[in-house]
Amino acid sequence: MSSPRDKKESVAEAENGHQVLSDDIFLFWASGSLPCWRVQIVLEEKNLNGYKNKLVSLDRNEHKSGAVLKQNPRGQVPSLNFRSVVLNESMATCIFLDSSKKHEGTRLIPEEHRLQARVLQLTFD
């Protein structure tokens, strides 16, 4: 029988055979922020749903709070902590999640070099 905590935790198999639990992921995000949405979409596409997160209000300067500044000294969102790896730039976060979770969910950056170059060029253009 599974516990309520087991149900809360989304489990995905990592490449190295270790499980990534939703407790291993924490995201600070703000409503209406396209960079935050970008990271949230990639988390869902990689089947990393159920992660811990905190919605911060930009209007109330919550992104400059102690909790956010501890994870991201710049006080910006999105800020993702993935198994003690902290990423504070949305495109870097998306590429990191795709490369570290190659075999989970939707593959966002193709393996074939020409297609990969095209995707990256269009992404950063």
Protein backbone atom coordinates (compact mmCIF):
# COMPACT_ATOMS: atom_id res chain seq x y z
CA MET A 1 0.00 0.00 0.00
CA SER A 2 1.38 3.43 -0.91
CA SER A 3 1.52 6.29 1.53
CA PRO A 4 0.16 9.78 0.78
CA ARG A 5 3.75 10.93 0.41
CA ASP A 6 4.38 8.26 -2.25
CA LYS A 7 1.40 9.54 -4.19
CA LYS A 8 2.65 13.12 -3.91
CA GLU A 9 6.08 12.26 -5.25
CA SER A 10 6.41 12.00 -8.99
CA VAL A 11 9.14 9.51 -9.77
CA ALA A 12 11.17 9.50 -12.97
CA GLU A 13 14.14 7.24 -13.67
CA ALA A 14 17.38 9.19 -14.13
CA GLU A 15 19.97 8.12 -16.68
CA ASN A 16 22.35 6.85 -14.02
CA GLY A 17 19.66 4.64 -12.49
CA HIS A 18 18.83 6.89 -9.54
CA GLN A 19 15.28 7.99 -9.04
CA VAL A 20 14.49 11.68 -9.18
CA LEU A 21 11.73 12.43 -6.70
CA SER A 22 9.63 15.54 -6.76
CA ASP A 23 11.30 16.37 -3.43
CA ASP A 24 14.60 16.66 -5.36
CA ILE A 25 13.25 19.62 -7.34
CA PHE A 26 12.29 23.10 -6.14
CA LEU A 27 11.26 26.01 -8.35
CA PHE A 28 10.71 29.67 -7.50
CA TRP A 29 8.49 31.20 -10.19
CA ALA A 30 6.29 34.20 -10.91
CA SER A 31 2.92 34.34 -12.63
CA GLY A 32 2.98 35.95 -16.06
CA SER A 33 6.71 35.42 -16.53
CA LEU A 34 7.50 33.82 -19.89
CA PRO A 35 10.89 32.51 -18.67
CA CYS A 36 9.10 30.84 -15.72
CA TRP A 37 6.50 29.31 -18.01
CA ARG A 38 9.30 28.02 -20.26
CA VAL A 39 10.87 26.11 -17.34
CA GLN A 40 7.51 24.83 -16.11
CA ILE A 41 6.63 23.52 -19.57
CA VAL A 42 9.95 21.67 -19.83
CA LEU A 43 9.49 20.15 -16.36
CA GLU A 44 6.10 18.82 -17.48
CA GLU A 45 7.42 17.62 -20.87
CA LYS A 46 10.18 15.69 -19.05
CA ASN A 47 7.55 14.08 -16.75
CA LEU A 48 8.95 15.86 -13.69
CA ASN A 49 5.57 16.96 -12.41
CA GLY A 50 4.66 17.18 -8.75
CA TYR A 51 7.84 19.12 -7.89
CA LYS A 52 7.91 21.54 -4.99
CA ASN A 53 7.50 25.16 -5.98
CA LYS A 54 6.79 28.62 -4.66
CA LEU A 55 4.88 31.29 -6.53
CA VAL A 56 6.46 34.66 -5.75
CA SER A 57 4.85 38.04 -6.28
CA LEU A 58 6.97 40.44 -8.30
CA ASP A 59 4.64 43.30 -7.29
CA ARG A 60 5.45 42.69 -3.62
CA ASN A 61 9.18 42.17 -4.36
CA GLU A 62 9.03 38.61 -3.01
CA HIS A 63 11.75 37.68 -5.52
CA LYS A 64 14.09 39.76 -3.33
CA SER A 65 13.15 37.83 -0.16
CA GLY A 66 15.70 35.91 1.88
CA ALA A 67 14.50 32.50 0.66
CA VAL A 68 14.88 33.44 -3.01
CA LEU A 69 18.19 35.26 -2.46
CA LYS A 70 19.58 32.22 -0.68
CA GLN A 71 18.98 30.12 -3.82
CA ASN A 72 19.63 32.94 -6.31
CA PRO A 73 21.70 35.91 -5.13
CA ARG A 74 20.45 37.89 -8.15
CA GLY A 75 16.90 37.70 -6.80
CA GLN A 76 15.44 36.66 -10.16
CA VAL A 77 12.99 33.99 -11.21
CA PRO A 78 12.80 31.32 -12.40
CA SER A 79 15.24 29.72 -10.01
CA LEU A 80 15.43 25.93 -10.04
CA ASN A 81 17.16 23.65 -7.56
CA PHE A 82 17.51 20.20 -9.14
CA ARG A 83 19.24 17.72 -6.83
CA SER A 84 21.41 20.52 -5.37
CA VAL A 85 22.24 21.96 -8.81
CA VAL A 86 20.91 25.52 -8.93
CA LEU A 87 20.05 27.15 -12.25
CA ASN A 88 18.84 30.73 -12.52
CA GLU A 89 18.60 31.28 -16.27
CA SER A 90 15.60 29.81 -18.06
CA MET A 91 17.24 28.64 -21.30
CA ALA A 92 20.16 27.09 -19.41
CA THR A 93 17.61 25.35 -17.17
CA CYS A 94 15.69 23.98 -20.15
CA ILE A 95 18.81 22.66 -21.86
CA PHE A 96 20.08 21.17 -18.58
CA LEU A 97 16.77 19.39 -17.94
CA ASP A 98 16.65 18.04 -21.48
CA SER A 99 20.24 16.78 -21.42
CA SER A 100 20.05 15.30 -17.91
CA LYS A 101 16.71 13.60 -18.61
CA LYS A 102 17.34 12.45 -22.22
CA HIS A 103 15.25 9.31 -21.94
CA GLU A 104 12.34 10.81 -20.01
CA GLY A 105 9.36 12.47 -21.60
CA THR A 106 9.65 14.53 -24.75
CA ARG A 107 13.13 14.89 -26.27
CA LEU A 108 13.46 18.64 -26.87
CA ILE A 109 16.89 18.83 -28.50
CA PRO A 110 17.51 16.21 -31.21
CA GLU A 111 20.55 13.92 -31.16
CA GLU A 112 21.39 14.41 -34.84
CA HIS A 113 23.90 17.27 -35.11
CA ARG A 114 22.32 19.18 -38.00
CA LEU A 115 18.89 19.12 -36.37
CA GLN A 116 20.42 19.99 -33.00
CA ALA A 117 22.21 22.99 -34.53
CA ARG A 118 18.97 24.15 -36.16
CA VAL A 119 16.96 23.85 -32.94
CA LEU A 120 19.60 25.70 -30.92
CA GLN A 121 19.95 28.43 -33.57
CA LEU A 122 16.19 29.01 -33.62
CA THR A 123 16.01 28.88 -29.83
CA PHE A 124 18.57 31.62 -29.31
CA ASP A 125 17.76 33.68 -32.41
